[in-house]
Amino acid sequence: MDNCIFCKIAKGEIPSNTIYEDDSFRVILDNGPATKGHALVLPKEHYADLFEIPEDVVAGAVKVAKKVASNMKEKLSCDGLNLVQNNGEAAGQTVMHFHLHIIPRYENDGQHILWKPTSPSAEELTAVKDTILGA
């Protein structure tokens, strides 16, 4: 896409703090990081979200994330790691180009990349399951 900022970054048209690159992906440090080392896995081809990206490409993104995350664990001595992938504005996606966040986590880093669990009844869970399965 001509006006996609992540396409331009992924293809090297806009400078970035690249920490990994291959023929299909570029991994950059996030300019507004949640923690030290927060990075984005960007496919070089444009796909808006998880629903548009081919399965083999998303599998490649996860393989790249694992490689980069392993290096981060060693080099940054992080205590944990979040992989986050948002789809749609309601889910927090702000750039409509598929990307996978790699967020190193540190004890007491102050981030809360979690959700508040709810308490559905067994009947509600069954109803949702049946809806998903088309029962």
C-alpha atoms as a PDB file:
ATOM      1  CA  MET A   1       0.000   0.000   0.000  1.00  0.00           C
ATOM      2  CA  ASP A   2       1.342   3.401  -0.994  1.00  0.00           C
ATOM      3  CA  ASN A   3       0.478   5.198   2.238  1.00  0.00           C
ATOM      4  CA  CYS A   4       1.178   2.442   4.811  1.00  0.00           C
ATOM      5  CA  ILE A   5       3.896   3.570   7.217  1.00  0.00           C
ATOM      6  CA  PHE A   6       4.764  -0.023   8.183  1.00  0.00           C
ATOM      7  CA  CYS A   7       5.145  -1.021   4.516  1.00  0.00           C
ATOM      8  CA  LYS A   8       7.624   1.822   4.070  1.00  0.00           C
ATOM      9  CA  ILE A   9       9.542   0.884   7.229  1.00  0.00           C
ATOM     10  CA  ALA A  10       9.528  -2.846   6.404  1.00  0.00           C
ATOM     11  CA  LYS A  11      10.909  -2.173   2.933  1.00  0.00           C
ATOM     12  CA  GLY A  12      13.626   0.143   4.281  1.00  0.00           C
ATOM     13  CA  GLU A  13      12.194   3.313   2.750  1.00  0.00           C
ATOM     14  CA  ILE A  14      12.001   4.948   6.186  1.00  0.00           C
ATOM     15  CA  PRO A  15      14.892   4.564   8.668  1.00  0.00           C
ATOM     16  CA  SER A  16      14.255   2.387  11.709  1.00  0.00           C
ATOM     17  CA  ASN A  17      16.112   0.726  14.535  1.00  0.00           C
ATOM     18  CA  THR A  18      16.203  -2.665  12.824  1.00  0.00           C
ATOM     19  CA  ILE A  19      17.289  -5.577  15.011  1.00  0.00           C
ATOM     20  CA  TYR A  20      16.567  -8.387  12.520  1.00  0.00           C
ATOM     21  CA  GLU A  21      15.855  -8.672   8.807  1.00  0.00           C
ATOM     22  CA  ASP A  22      15.401 -11.420   6.252  1.00  0.00           C
ATOM     23  CA  ASP A  23      13.708 -11.629   2.846  1.00  0.00           C
ATOM     24  CA  SER A  24      10.194 -11.617   4.325  1.00  0.00           C
ATOM     25  CA  PHE A  25      10.377  -9.695   7.611  1.00  0.00           C
ATOM     26  CA  ARG A  26      11.951  -6.724   9.330  1.00  0.00           C
ATOM     27  CA  VAL A  27      11.981  -6.451  13.123  1.00  0.00           C
ATOM     28  CA  ILE A  28      12.263  -2.941  14.509  1.00  0.00           C
ATOM     29  CA  LEU A  29      12.379  -1.402  17.953  1.00  0.00           C
ATOM     30  CA  ASP A  30       9.059   0.277  18.771  1.00  0.00           C
ATOM     31  CA  ASN A  31       9.382   4.093  18.927  1.00  0.00           C
ATOM     32  CA  GLY A  32       6.925   4.133  21.853  1.00  0.00           C
ATOM     33  CA  PRO A  33       8.040   1.045  23.760  1.00  0.00           C
ATOM     34  CA  ALA A  34       6.161  -0.544  26.637  1.00  0.00           C
ATOM     35  CA  THR A  35       9.512  -1.774  28.001  1.00  0.00           C
ATOM     36  CA  LYS A  36      13.200  -1.770  27.032  1.00  0.00           C
ATOM     37  CA  GLY A  37      13.565  -3.835  23.868  1.00  0.00           C
ATOM     38  CA  HIS A  38       9.894  -3.720  22.764  1.00  0.00           C
ATOM     39  CA  ALA A  39      10.014  -4.665  19.085  1.00  0.00           C
ATOM     40  CA  LEU A  40       7.650  -5.182  16.156  1.00  0.00           C
ATOM     41  CA  VAL A  41       7.805  -8.022  13.622  1.00  0.00           C
ATOM     42  CA  LEU A  42       6.722  -6.519  10.293  1.00  0.00           C
ATOM     43  CA  PRO A  43       6.055  -8.581   7.165  1.00  0.00           C
ATOM     44  CA  LYS A  44       7.507  -6.845   4.111  1.00  0.00           C
ATOM     45  CA  GLU A  45       4.271  -7.519   2.230  1.00  0.00           C
ATOM     46  CA  HIS A  46       1.122  -5.698   3.275  1.00  0.00           C
ATOM     47  CA  TYR A  47      -1.587  -7.592   5.128  1.00  0.00           C
ATOM     48  CA  ALA A  48      -4.069  -5.582   7.178  1.00  0.00           C
ATOM     49  CA  ASP A  49      -4.538  -8.098   9.980  1.00  0.00           C
ATOM     50  CA  LEU A  50      -4.664 -11.739  11.057  1.00  0.00           C
ATOM     51  CA  PHE A  51      -7.684 -12.375   8.851  1.00  0.00           C
ATOM     52  CA  GLU A  52      -5.837 -11.267   5.711  1.00  0.00           C
ATOM     53  CA  ILE A  53      -2.343 -12.706   6.234  1.00  0.00           C
ATOM     54  CA  PRO A  54      -1.659 -16.184   4.764  1.00  0.00           C
ATOM     55  CA  GLU A  55      -1.069 -18.941   7.312  1.00  0.00           C
ATOM     56  CA  ASP A  56       2.490 -19.618   6.146  1.00  0.00           C
ATOM     57  CA  VAL A  57       3.403 -15.940   6.545  1.00  0.00           C
ATOM     58  CA  VAL A  58       1.949 -15.684  10.052  1.00  0.00           C
ATOM     59  CA  ALA A  59       3.821 -18.887  10.947  1.00  0.00           C
ATOM     60  CA  GLY A  60       6.987 -17.233   9.649  1.00  0.00           C
ATOM     61  CA  ALA A  61       6.305 -14.177  11.818  1.00  0.00           C
ATOM     62  CA  VAL A  62       6.068 -16.384  14.914  1.00  0.00           C
ATOM     63  CA  LYS A  63       9.330 -18.163  13.984  1.00  0.00           C
ATOM     64  CA  VAL A  64      11.061 -14.793  13.629  1.00  0.00           C
ATOM     65  CA  ALA A  65       9.554 -13.638  16.949  1.00  0.00           C
ATOM     66  CA  LYS A  66      10.916 -16.737  18.677  1.00  0.00           C
ATOM     67  CA  LYS A  67      14.401 -16.150  17.273  1.00  0.00           C
ATOM     68  CA  VAL A  68      14.407 -12.475  18.274  1.00  0.00           C
ATOM     69  CA  ALA A  69      12.863 -13.198  21.698  1.00  0.00           C
ATOM     70  CA  SER A  70      15.543 -15.784  22.461  1.00  0.00           C
ATOM     71  CA  ASN A  71      18.215 -13.225  21.645  1.00  0.00           C
ATOM     72  CA  MET A  72      16.456 -10.610  23.808  1.00  0.00           C
ATOM     73  CA  LYS A  73      16.274 -12.998  26.771  1.00  0.00           C
ATOM     74  CA  GLU A  74      20.018 -13.561  26.537  1.00  0.00           C
ATOM     75  CA  LYS A  75      21.136  -9.986  25.769  1.00  0.00           C
ATOM     76  CA  LEU A  76      18.604  -7.964  27.796  1.00  0.00           C
ATOM     77  CA  SER A  77      18.207 -10.436  30.683  1.00  0.00           C
ATOM     78  CA  CYS A  78      14.441  -9.977  30.689  1.00  0.00           C
ATOM     79  CA  ASP A  79      12.405 -11.973  33.175  1.00  0.00           C
ATOM     80  CA  GLY A  80       9.561 -12.826  30.810  1.00  0.00           C
ATOM     81  CA  LEU A  81       8.033 -11.899  27.484  1.00  0.00           C
ATOM     82  CA  ASN A  82       4.691 -11.031  25.903  1.00  0.00           C
ATOM     83  CA  LEU A  83       3.818 -11.656  22.268  1.00  0.00           C
ATOM     84  CA  VAL A  84       0.896  -9.387  21.390  1.00  0.00           C
ATOM     85  CA  GLN A  85      -0.990  -9.191  18.112  1.00  0.00           C
ATOM     86  CA  ASN A  86      -3.994  -6.841  17.848  1.00  0.00           C
ATOM     87  CA  ASN A  87      -6.693  -6.991  15.158  1.00  0.00           C
ATOM     88  CA  GLY A  88      -8.998  -4.032  14.597  1.00  0.00           C
ATOM     89  CA  GLU A  89      -9.341  -0.718  16.366  1.00  0.00           C
ATOM     90  CA  ALA A  90     -11.484  -2.217  19.149  1.00  0.00           C
ATOM     91  CA  ALA A  91      -8.571  -4.540  19.960  1.00  0.00           C
ATOM     92  CA  GLY A  92      -5.998  -1.735  19.987  1.00  0.00           C
ATOM     93  CA  GLN A  93      -4.623  -1.999  16.449  1.00  0.00           C
ATOM     94  CA  THR A  94      -3.497   1.504  15.451  1.00  0.00           C
ATOM     95  CA  VAL A  95      -1.631   0.700  12.217  1.00  0.00           C
ATOM     96  CA  MET A  96      -3.586  -1.493   9.799  1.00  0.00           C
ATOM     97  CA  HIS A  97      -0.574  -3.581   8.759  1.00  0.00           C
ATOM     98  CA  PHE A  98      -0.204  -6.953  10.486  1.00  0.00           C
ATOM     99  CA  HIS A  99       2.499  -6.777  13.123  1.00  0.00           C
ATOM    100  CA  LEU A 100       3.512  -8.817  16.117  1.00  0.00           C
ATOM    101  CA  HIS A 101       4.753  -7.098  19.271  1.00  0.00           C
ATOM    102  CA  ILE A 102       7.623  -8.697  21.178  1.00  0.00           C
ATOM    103  CA  ILE A 103       7.576  -7.125  24.636  1.00  0.00           C
ATOM    104  CA  PRO A 104      10.352  -8.101  27.043  1.00  0.00           C
ATOM    105  CA  ARG A 105       9.096  -8.092  30.624  1.00  0.00           C
ATOM    106  CA  TYR A 106      11.066  -7.202  33.719  1.00  0.00           C
ATOM    107  CA  GLU A 107      10.124  -7.697  37.362  1.00  0.00           C
ATOM    108  CA  ASN A 108       8.308  -4.552  38.532  1.00  0.00           C
ATOM    109  CA  ASP A 109       8.380  -2.921  35.063  1.00  0.00           C
ATOM    110  CA  GLY A 110       5.017  -1.287  35.780  1.00  0.00           C
ATOM    111  CA  GLN A 111       3.307  -2.634  32.661  1.00  0.00           C
ATOM    112  CA  HIS A 112      -0.066  -4.330  32.825  1.00  0.00           C
ATOM    113  CA  ILE A 113      -0.492  -6.259  29.588  1.00  0.00           C
ATOM    114  CA  LEU A 114      -3.208  -8.360  31.127  1.00  0.00           C
ATOM    115  CA  TRP A 115      -6.996  -8.488  31.271  1.00  0.00           C
ATOM    116  CA  LYS A 116      -9.507  -8.609  34.077  1.00  0.00           C
ATOM    117  CA  PRO A 117     -11.000 -12.131  34.165  1.00  0.00           C
ATOM    118  CA  THR A 118     -14.785 -12.395  34.166  1.00  0.00           C
ATOM    119  CA  SER A 119     -16.931 -15.120  35.727  1.00  0.00           C
ATOM    120  CA  PRO A 120     -19.337 -16.566  33.147  1.00  0.00           C
ATOM    121  CA  SER A 121     -21.614 -19.371  34.251  1.00  0.00           C
ATOM    122  CA  ALA A 122     -21.228 -22.870  32.841  1.00  0.00           C
ATOM    123  CA  GLU A 123     -24.363 -22.228  30.794  1.00  0.00           C
ATOM    124  CA  GLU A 124     -22.921 -19.029  29.296  1.00  0.00           C
ATOM    125  CA  LEU A 125     -19.700 -20.821  28.330  1.00  0.00           C
ATOM    126  CA  THR A 126     -21.701 -23.635  26.743  1.00  0.00           C
ATOM    127  CA  ALA A 127     -23.786 -21.108  24.788  1.00  0.00           C
ATOM    128  CA  VAL A 128     -20.650 -19.395  23.468  1.00  0.00           C
ATOM    129  CA  LYS A 129     -19.099 -22.748  22.559  1.00  0.00           C
ATOM    130  CA  ASP A 130     -22.263 -23.761  20.727  1.00  0.00           C
ATOM    131  CA  THR A 131     -22.344 -20.438  18.861  1.00  0.00           C
ATOM    132  CA  ILE A 132     -18.721 -20.807  17.748  1.00  0.00           C
ATOM    133  CA  LEU A 133     -19.259 -24.416  16.684  1.00  0.00           C
ATOM    134  CA  GLY A 134     -22.526 -23.584  14.949  1.00  0.00           C
ATOM    135  CA  ALA A 135     -24.541 -25.973  17.106  1.00  0.00           C
END
